[in-house]
Protein backbone atom coordinates (compact mmCIF):
# COMPACT_ATOMS: atom_id res chain seq x y z
CA UNK A 1 -5.31 -12.39 -24.61
CA UNK A 2 -4.84 -15.97 -23.79
CA UNK A 3 -7.36 -17.97 -25.89
CA UNK A 4 -5.46 -21.47 -26.05
CA UNK A 5 -5.36 -22.24 -22.38
CA UNK A 6 -8.48 -23.73 -20.59
CA UNK A 7 -9.13 -22.27 -17.16
CA UNK A 8 -10.86 -24.85 -14.71
CA UNK A 9 -13.15 -22.85 -12.18
CA UNK A 10 -11.99 -23.10 -8.86
CA UNK A 11 -14.98 -24.54 -7.60
CA UNK A 12 -14.83 -27.54 -9.91
CA UNK A 13 -11.32 -27.99 -8.63
CA UNK A 14 -12.26 -28.02 -4.96
CA UNK A 15 -15.15 -30.45 -5.70
CA UNK A 16 -12.81 -32.94 -7.54
CA UNK A 17 -10.12 -32.64 -4.65
CA UNK A 18 -12.74 -32.99 -1.75
CA UNK A 19 -14.65 -36.08 -3.71
CA UNK A 20 -11.13 -37.65 -4.38
CA UNK A 21 -9.74 -37.46 -1.09
CA UNK A 22 -13.16 -38.76 0.48
CA UNK A 23 -13.04 -41.55 -2.05
CA UNK A 24 -9.37 -42.39 -0.99
CA UNK A 25 -9.97 -42.25 2.55
CA UNK A 26 -13.10 -44.61 2.25
CA UNK A 27 -11.00 -46.85 0.22
CA UNK A 28 -8.12 -47.04 2.39
CA UNK A 29 -10.18 -47.46 5.65
CA UNK A 30 -12.51 -50.03 4.37
CA UNK A 31 -10.00 -52.10 2.39
CA UNK A 32 -7.81 -52.43 5.71
CA UNK A 33 -8.72 -53.83 8.97
CA UNK A 34 -11.91 -51.90 10.49
CA UNK A 35 -14.95 -52.81 12.79
CA UNK A 36 -17.97 -54.31 11.73
CA UNK A 37 -21.56 -52.80 12.53
CA UNK A 38 -22.39 -49.46 13.59
CA UNK A 39 -18.79 -48.58 14.42
CA UNK A 40 -17.87 -49.23 10.74
CA UNK A 41 -20.61 -47.02 9.56
CA UNK A 42 -19.62 -44.02 11.95
CA UNK A 43 -16.13 -44.36 10.84
CA UNK A 44 -17.17 -44.41 7.22
CA UNK A 45 -19.12 -41.37 7.58
CA UNK A 46 -16.34 -39.62 9.36
CA UNK A 47 -13.77 -40.43 6.93
CA UNK A 48 -16.46 -39.21 4.01
CA UNK A 49 -17.04 -35.95 6.19
CA UNK A 50 -13.26 -35.24 6.54
CA UNK A 51 -12.62 -35.35 2.71
CA UNK A 52 -15.75 -33.38 1.85
CA UNK A 53 -14.87 -30.71 4.53
CA UNK A 54 -12.04 -29.64 1.82
CA UNK A 55 -14.75 -27.87 -0.20
CA UNK A 56 -14.47 -24.86 2.41
CA UNK A 57 -10.32 -25.10 2.30
CA UNK A 58 -10.09 -21.85 0.85
CA UNK A 59 -12.82 -19.64 2.45
CA UNK A 60 -12.29 -21.11 5.89
CA UNK A 61 -8.92 -22.88 6.27
CA UNK A 62 -9.13 -22.97 10.10
CA UNK A 63 -12.41 -24.32 10.34
CA UNK A 64 -11.28 -27.32 7.78
CA UNK A 65 -8.47 -27.76 10.00
CA UNK A 66 -10.38 -28.29 13.11
CA UNK A 67 -13.13 -30.49 11.27
CA UNK A 68 -10.67 -32.77 9.58
CA UNK A 69 -8.92 -33.37 13.11
CA UNK A 70 -12.01 -33.94 14.92
CA UNK A 71 -12.79 -36.53 12.21
CA UNK A 72 -9.36 -38.00 12.31
CA UNK A 73 -9.93 -38.49 16.07
CA UNK A 74 -13.34 -40.05 15.63
CA UNK A 75 -12.70 -42.83 13.01
CA UNK A 76 -9.34 -43.41 15.23
CA UNK A 77 -11.48 -43.98 18.03
CA UNK A 78 -14.19 -46.07 15.93
CA UNK A 79 -11.30 -48.51 15.27
CA UNK A 80 -9.93 -47.31 11.46
CA UNK A 81 -6.24 -47.41 10.79
CA UNK A 82 -5.60 -45.24 7.73
CA UNK A 83 -3.51 -42.25 7.05
CA UNK A 84 -5.61 -38.95 7.48
CA UNK A 85 -5.01 -37.65 3.78
CA UNK A 86 -8.24 -34.91 4.69
CA UNK A 87 -6.05 -33.69 7.65
CA UNK A 88 -2.82 -33.29 5.48
CA UNK A 89 -4.73 -31.46 2.85
CA UNK A 90 -6.04 -29.48 5.31
CA UNK A 91 -2.81 -28.40 6.90
CA UNK A 92 -1.57 -27.56 3.37
CA UNK A 93 -4.35 -24.97 3.03
CA UNK A 94 -3.85 -23.42 6.55
CA UNK A 95 -0.26 -23.02 6.25
CA UNK A 96 -0.74 -21.72 2.43
CA UNK A 97 -3.33 -19.07 4.14
CA UNK A 98 -0.81 -18.03 6.67
CA UNK A 99 -1.98 -19.67 9.69
CA UNK A 100 1.41 -21.42 10.21
CA UNK A 101 1.93 -21.08 14.19
CA UNK A 102 -1.77 -22.21 14.68
CA UNK A 103 -1.44 -24.98 12.32
CA UNK A 104 1.65 -26.28 14.39
CA UNK A 105 -0.25 -26.02 17.44
CA UNK A 106 -3.24 -27.92 16.26
CA UNK A 107 -1.26 -30.43 14.69
CA UNK A 108 0.96 -31.18 17.99
CA UNK A 109 -2.34 -31.58 19.96
CA UNK A 110 -3.65 -33.83 17.50
CA UNK A 111 -0.74 -36.04 17.63
CA UNK A 112 -1.09 -36.40 21.59
CA UNK A 113 -4.86 -37.02 21.33
CA UNK A 114 -4.16 -39.69 18.79
CA UNK A 115 -1.76 -41.38 20.99
CA UNK A 116 -4.26 -41.27 23.82
CA UNK A 117 -7.11 -42.33 21.58
CA UNK A 118 -5.12 -45.50 20.50
CA UNK A 119 -4.19 -46.58 24.08
CA UNK A 120 -7.61 -46.06 25.14
CA UNK A 121 -9.78 -47.75 22.27
CA UNK A 122 -7.29 -50.17 21.09
CA UNK A 123 -6.28 -53.54 22.71
CA UNK A 124 -2.51 -54.85 22.72
CA UNK A 125 0.51 -53.55 24.14
CA UNK A 126 1.25 -49.74 24.27
CA UNK A 127 3.75 -50.05 21.56
CA UNK A 128 1.36 -51.42 19.10
CA UNK A 129 -0.94 -48.91 19.98
CA UNK A 130 1.49 -45.85 19.51
CA UNK A 131 2.53 -47.92 16.33
CA UNK A 132 -1.04 -47.76 15.29
CA UNK A 133 -1.39 -43.80 15.97
CA UNK A 134 1.70 -43.01 14.44
CA UNK A 135 0.62 -44.81 11.00
CA UNK A 136 -2.59 -42.77 11.12
CA UNK A 137 -0.77 -39.45 10.92
CA UNK A 138 2.75 -40.08 9.98
CA UNK A 139 4.80 -37.22 11.30
CA UNK A 140 6.80 -37.17 8.01
CA UNK A 141 3.60 -36.63 5.93
CA UNK A 142 2.67 -34.12 8.13
CA UNK A 143 5.99 -31.99 7.73
CA UNK A 144 5.83 -32.71 3.95
CA UNK A 145 2.28 -31.05 3.77
CA UNK A 146 3.58 -28.17 6.13
CA UNK A 147 6.61 -27.62 3.99
CA UNK A 148 4.27 -27.55 0.71
CA UNK A 149 2.06 -25.03 1.92
CA UNK A 150 4.67 -22.60 2.98
CA UNK A 151 6.52 -23.03 -0.26
CA UNK A 152 3.47 -21.96 -2.29
CA UNK A 153 2.65 -19.24 0.01
CA UNK A 154 6.10 -17.64 -0.13
CA UNK A 155 5.82 -18.29 -4.13
CA UNK A 156 2.47 -16.60 -4.05
CA UNK A 157 3.97 -13.57 -1.81
CA UNK A 158 7.01 -13.19 -4.08
CA UNK A 159 4.71 -12.84 -7.17
CA UNK A 160 2.34 -10.57 -5.72
CA UNK A 161 5.26 -8.27 -4.67
CA UNK A 162 6.80 -8.60 -8.16
CA UNK A 163 3.37 -7.38 -9.53
CA UNK A 164 3.37 -4.66 -7.09
CA UNK A 165 7.02 -3.71 -8.13
CA UNK A 166 6.07 -3.62 -11.81
CA UNK A 167 3.23 -1.11 -11.24
CA UNK A 168 5.23 0.90 -8.63
CA UNK A 169 8.00 1.01 -11.62
CA UNK A 170 5.52 1.63 -14.30
CA UNK A 171 3.74 4.62 -12.12
CA UNK A 172 7.20 5.96 -11.43
CA UNK A 173 8.39 5.97 -14.79
CA UNK A 174 5.08 7.75 -15.95
CA UNK A 175 5.86 10.53 -13.07
CA UNK A 176 9.22 11.19 -14.32
CA UNK A 177 8.22 11.48 -17.97
CA UNK A 178 5.43 13.95 -16.60
CA UNK A 179 8.31 15.81 -14.62
CA UNK A 180 10.64 15.50 -17.99
CA UNK A 181 7.87 16.97 -20.05
CA UNK A 182 7.10 20.00 -17.55
CA UNK A 183 10.75 20.78 -17.28
CA UNK A 184 11.22 20.79 -21.43
CA UNK A 185 8.17 23.38 -21.20
CA UNK A 186 9.54 25.39 -18.40
CA UNK A 187 12.79 25.93 -19.91
CA UNK A 188 11.46 26.31 -23.59
CA UNK A 189 8.53 28.55 -22.86
CA UNK A 190 8.74 30.15 -19.48
CA UNK A 191 11.46 32.40 -20.43
CA UNK A 192 10.21 33.54 -23.54
CA UNK A 193 6.87 34.36 -22.22
CA UNK A 194 8.17 36.08 -19.28
CA UNK A 195 10.48 38.32 -21.85
CA UNK A 196 7.02 39.31 -23.72
CA UNK A 197 5.39 39.92 -20.34
CA UNK A 198 7.96 42.03 -19.00
CA UNK A 199 8.55 44.04 -22.08
CA UNK A 200 4.77 44.86 -22.89
CA UNK A 201 4.46 45.81 -18.91
CA UNK A 202 7.38 48.14 -19.36
CA UNK A 203 6.19 49.64 -22.82
CA UNK A 204 2.49 50.34 -21.19
CA UNK A 205 4.13 51.82 -18.16
CA UNK A 206 6.44 54.27 -20.11
CA UNK A 207 3.59 54.88 -22.59
CA UNK A 208 1.30 56.21 -19.56
CA UNK A 209 3.95 58.15 -17.98
CA UNK A 210 4.67 60.18 -20.73
CA UNK A 211 1.10 60.91 -21.01
CA UNK A 212 0.63 58.91 -24.28
CA UNK A 213 -2.29 56.82 -25.52
CA UNK A 214 -1.44 53.49 -25.25
CA UNK A 215 -2.05 51.48 -28.66
CA UNK A 216 -4.83 48.68 -28.41
CA UNK A 217 -2.48 46.32 -29.74
CA UNK A 218 0.07 46.77 -26.83
CA UNK A 219 -2.67 46.53 -24.45
CA UNK A 220 -3.79 43.04 -26.06
CA UNK A 221 -0.05 41.57 -25.93
CA UNK A 222 0.10 42.81 -22.53
CA UNK A 223 -3.18 40.45 -21.54
CA UNK A 224 -2.20 37.98 -23.70
CA UNK A 225 1.35 37.74 -21.82
CA UNK A 226 -0.50 37.54 -18.26
CA UNK A 227 -3.07 34.83 -19.70
CA UNK A 228 -0.17 32.89 -21.24
CA UNK A 229 1.90 33.06 -17.83
CA UNK A 230 -1.29 31.68 -16.10
CA UNK A 231 -2.17 28.91 -18.39
CA UNK A 232 1.42 28.03 -18.68
CA UNK A 233 1.61 27.70 -15.03
CA UNK A 234 -1.67 25.64 -14.88
CA UNK A 235 -0.37 23.38 -17.44
CA UNK A 236 2.71 22.69 -15.46
CA UNK A 237 0.55 21.75 -12.34
CA UNK A 238 -1.32 19.38 -14.54
CA UNK A 239 1.62 17.55 -15.71
CA UNK A 240 2.73 17.16 -12.20
CA UNK A 241 -0.58 16.06 -10.37
CA UNK A 242 -2.18 12.77 -10.65
CA UNK A 243 -5.44 12.71 -12.43
CA UNK A 244 -7.03 10.20 -10.35
CA UNK A 245 -6.68 12.34 -6.88
CA UNK A 246 -8.96 15.33 -6.48
CA UNK A 247 -7.21 18.73 -6.52
CA UNK A 248 -6.08 19.92 -2.78
CA UNK A 249 -5.52 23.60 -1.80
CA UNK A 250 -5.11 25.80 1.15
CA UNK A 251 -8.34 24.31 2.47
CA UNK A 252 -6.98 21.07 3.12
CA UNK A 253 -3.83 22.18 4.75
CA UNK A 254 -5.78 21.70 8.24
CA UNK A 255 -6.12 18.16 7.43
CA UNK A 256 -2.41 17.71 6.99
CA UNK A 257 -1.60 18.95 10.44
CA UNK A 258 -4.24 16.77 11.87
CA UNK A 259 -2.40 13.85 10.13
CA UNK A 260 0.54 14.73 11.72
CA UNK A 261 -0.51 14.89 15.22
CA UNK A 262 -1.66 11.32 14.48
CA UNK A 263 1.70 10.48 13.89
CA UNK A 264 2.92 11.37 17.46
CA UNK A 265 4.03 15.09 16.47
CA UNK A 266 3.20 18.17 18.01
CA UNK A 267 2.12 20.07 14.76
CA UNK A 268 0.58 23.58 14.98
CA UNK A 269 -1.02 25.77 12.12
CA UNK A 270 -0.84 29.73 12.07
CA UNK A 271 -2.45 32.07 9.60
CA UNK A 272 -1.23 35.35 9.26
CA UNK A 273 -2.68 38.16 7.23
CA UNK A 274 -5.85 39.12 5.41
CA UNK A 275 -7.20 35.78 3.80
CA UNK A 276 -7.94 36.24 0.25
CA UNK A 277 -8.50 33.97 -3.02
CA UNK A 278 -5.45 32.62 -4.78
CA UNK A 279 -5.04 30.81 -7.92
CA UNK A 280 -5.71 26.95 -7.95
CA UNK A 281 -2.15 26.64 -8.67
CA UNK A 282 -0.57 28.50 -5.82
CA UNK A 283 -3.11 26.45 -3.64
CA UNK A 284 -2.05 23.19 -4.88
CA UNK A 285 1.80 24.40 -4.52
CA UNK A 286 1.13 25.44 -0.91
CA UNK A 287 -0.70 22.27 0.02
CA UNK A 288 2.26 19.93 -1.72
CA UNK A 289 4.83 21.98 0.17
CA UNK A 290 3.46 21.50 3.37
CA UNK A 291 2.46 17.70 2.81
CA UNK A 292 6.18 17.02 1.54
CA UNK A 293 7.66 19.05 4.49
CA UNK A 294 5.52 17.25 7.46
CA UNK A 295 5.92 14.17 5.71
CA UNK A 296 9.67 14.38 5.99
CA UNK A 297 9.66 15.52 9.36
CA UNK A 298 7.65 12.70 10.60
CA UNK A 299 9.80 9.92 8.83
CA UNK A 300 13.27 11.28 8.74
CA UNK A 301 13.83 14.23 11.16
CA UNK A 302 13.31 12.71 14.59
CA UNK A 303 11.26 15.65 15.39
CA UNK A 304 8.83 16.30 18.15
CA UNK A 305 7.14 19.54 17.07
CA UNK A 306 6.39 21.26 13.67
CA UNK A 307 5.02 24.45 12.76
CA UNK A 308 3.40 25.49 9.80
CA UNK A 309 2.77 29.24 9.03
CA UNK A 310 0.83 30.53 6.05
CA UNK A 311 1.19 34.15 5.48
CA UNK A 312 -1.35 36.28 3.08
CA UNK A 313 0.73 39.25 1.35
CA UNK A 314 -0.85 41.80 -1.30
CA UNK A 315 0.74 39.93 -3.85
CA UNK A 316 2.27 36.81 -2.65
CA UNK A 317 1.68 33.78 -0.20
CA UNK A 318 4.26 32.60 2.06
CA UNK A 319 4.25 29.07 3.28
CA UNK A 320 6.67 28.14 6.18
CA UNK A 321 7.51 24.71 7.68
CA UNK A 322 9.72 24.35 10.60
CA UNK A 323 10.57 21.50 12.95
CA UNK A 324 12.92 20.88 15.71
CA UNK A 325 14.68 17.71 14.26
CA UNK A 326 18.14 16.53 14.28
CA UNK A 327 19.32 18.74 11.44
CA UNK A 328 22.23 21.02 12.45
CA UNK A 329 23.76 24.27 11.05
CA UNK A 330 25.82 23.56 8.10
CA UNK A 331 24.24 20.19 7.17
CA UNK A 332 23.55 19.96 3.58
CA UNK A 333 20.41 18.67 2.76
CA UNK A 334 20.16 15.23 1.27
CA UNK A 335 18.83 15.54 -2.38
CA UNK A 336 15.65 13.65 -3.03
CA UNK A 337 12.50 13.84 -5.50
CA UNK A 338 10.57 15.71 -2.38
CA UNK A 339 12.76 18.50 -2.39
CA UNK A 340 13.15 18.27 -5.91
CA UNK A 341 9.47 18.33 -6.42
CA UNK A 342 8.96 21.32 -4.26
CA UNK A 343 11.24 23.34 -6.05
CA UNK A 344 9.93 22.73 -9.22
CA UNK A 345 6.69 23.53 -8.46
CA UNK A 346 7.62 26.69 -6.74
CA UNK A 347 9.93 27.74 -9.79
CA UNK A 348 7.08 27.28 -12.33
CA UNK A 349 5.18 29.56 -10.41
CA UNK A 350 7.74 32.29 -10.48
CA UNK A 351 8.53 31.69 -6.53
CA UNK A 352 11.48 31.29 -4.39
CA UNK A 353 12.09 27.95 -2.13
CA UNK A 354 14.65 28.24 0.58
CA UNK A 355 15.23 24.52 2.29
CA UNK A 356 18.06 24.25 4.94
CA UNK A 357 18.83 23.62 8.63
CA UNK A 358 17.82 26.36 11.38
CA UNK A 359 20.49 28.28 13.14
CA UNK A 360 19.80 26.22 16.19
CA UNK A 361 18.77 22.69 15.10
CA UNK A 362 16.14 21.48 13.03
CA UNK A 363 14.74 22.24 9.34
CA UNK A 364 12.96 24.92 7.72
CA UNK A 365 11.29 25.04 4.49
CA UNK A 366 10.10 28.33 3.10
CA UNK A 367 8.48 29.38 -0.02
CA UNK A 368 7.37 32.72 -1.44
CA UNK A 369 4.75 31.91 -4.06
CA UNK A 370 3.82 35.09 -5.90
CA UNK A 371 -0.02 35.88 -6.42
CA UNK A 372 -1.14 37.69 -9.51
CA UNK A 373 -4.02 40.20 -9.58
CA UNK A 374 -6.06 41.01 -12.42
CA UNK A 375 -5.75 44.81 -13.20
């Protein structure tokens, strides 16, 4: 934590700028040629008001731009010939806030109005009037204020982009690390647990087939193998999921289809078979497969239609997403994190994934997810 740097509140900075600019404008206006009597008072008030209006330049930059422009016209008409520093600061603030086109339009209009004002309210040849108006708001100073505001706006935008990039990089690295851990767990544990589970299932089946009494220890091993498989798959899913988002499942797939329709994709959902409860890991995987497939279809496939089919079977759940996009038979799917993530999720559950172009045109993604039932 940085404790050696003193941070001045933004409000104090705004007050200092507003009061300083007001004092500078008043001093410059009253020290030069200016009218007497009521016009002097009016001009002084407008000079001070233009400077103090800068207090709101952060909250309402366009309002401050308009107020300082009107004050500039007012004290020019009153007979004061002074550079409009408040308006230059307002131009800087408006451009920094991103209102470039409107600032240019207001500034051009102000230059024209100031010339007309000088011609109407001042004595002397037109050349002297134009020179006086030009002295009030030098075009070079106006361009400098605009350039300063734009330069700082670009610098702030690049700083925000750099910060966002750092956050995205850190998040991506964390996701990659989670996937790495998941792969390590899958490689080191899934095979061994599957072997134990299969051997215990075969031993129990053979014992019952011969009419022998199954030892309690063997039944315990069988039950532990099933439970370990379920726990491992749940752990792998937890490593892949973002804890900040609520868990999604089969009930949320209609929302994905509706969202695809909002992206000008004619998406339909078909559910086949007798619905029954599935493990949470299977539901999450089905949701992610449909989400990734529809996202790829909407963004990259140049498709007009997409069909999502969910089929419930006695011991498995089938998920299929088809589109009529530009993929042609023989095309090789481009490797990407989306397809890799789908394949890893399906493999972790002991299922199969097929992602390839359709026979005519378009792309299909089909996953077969086993659904274990307690015996």
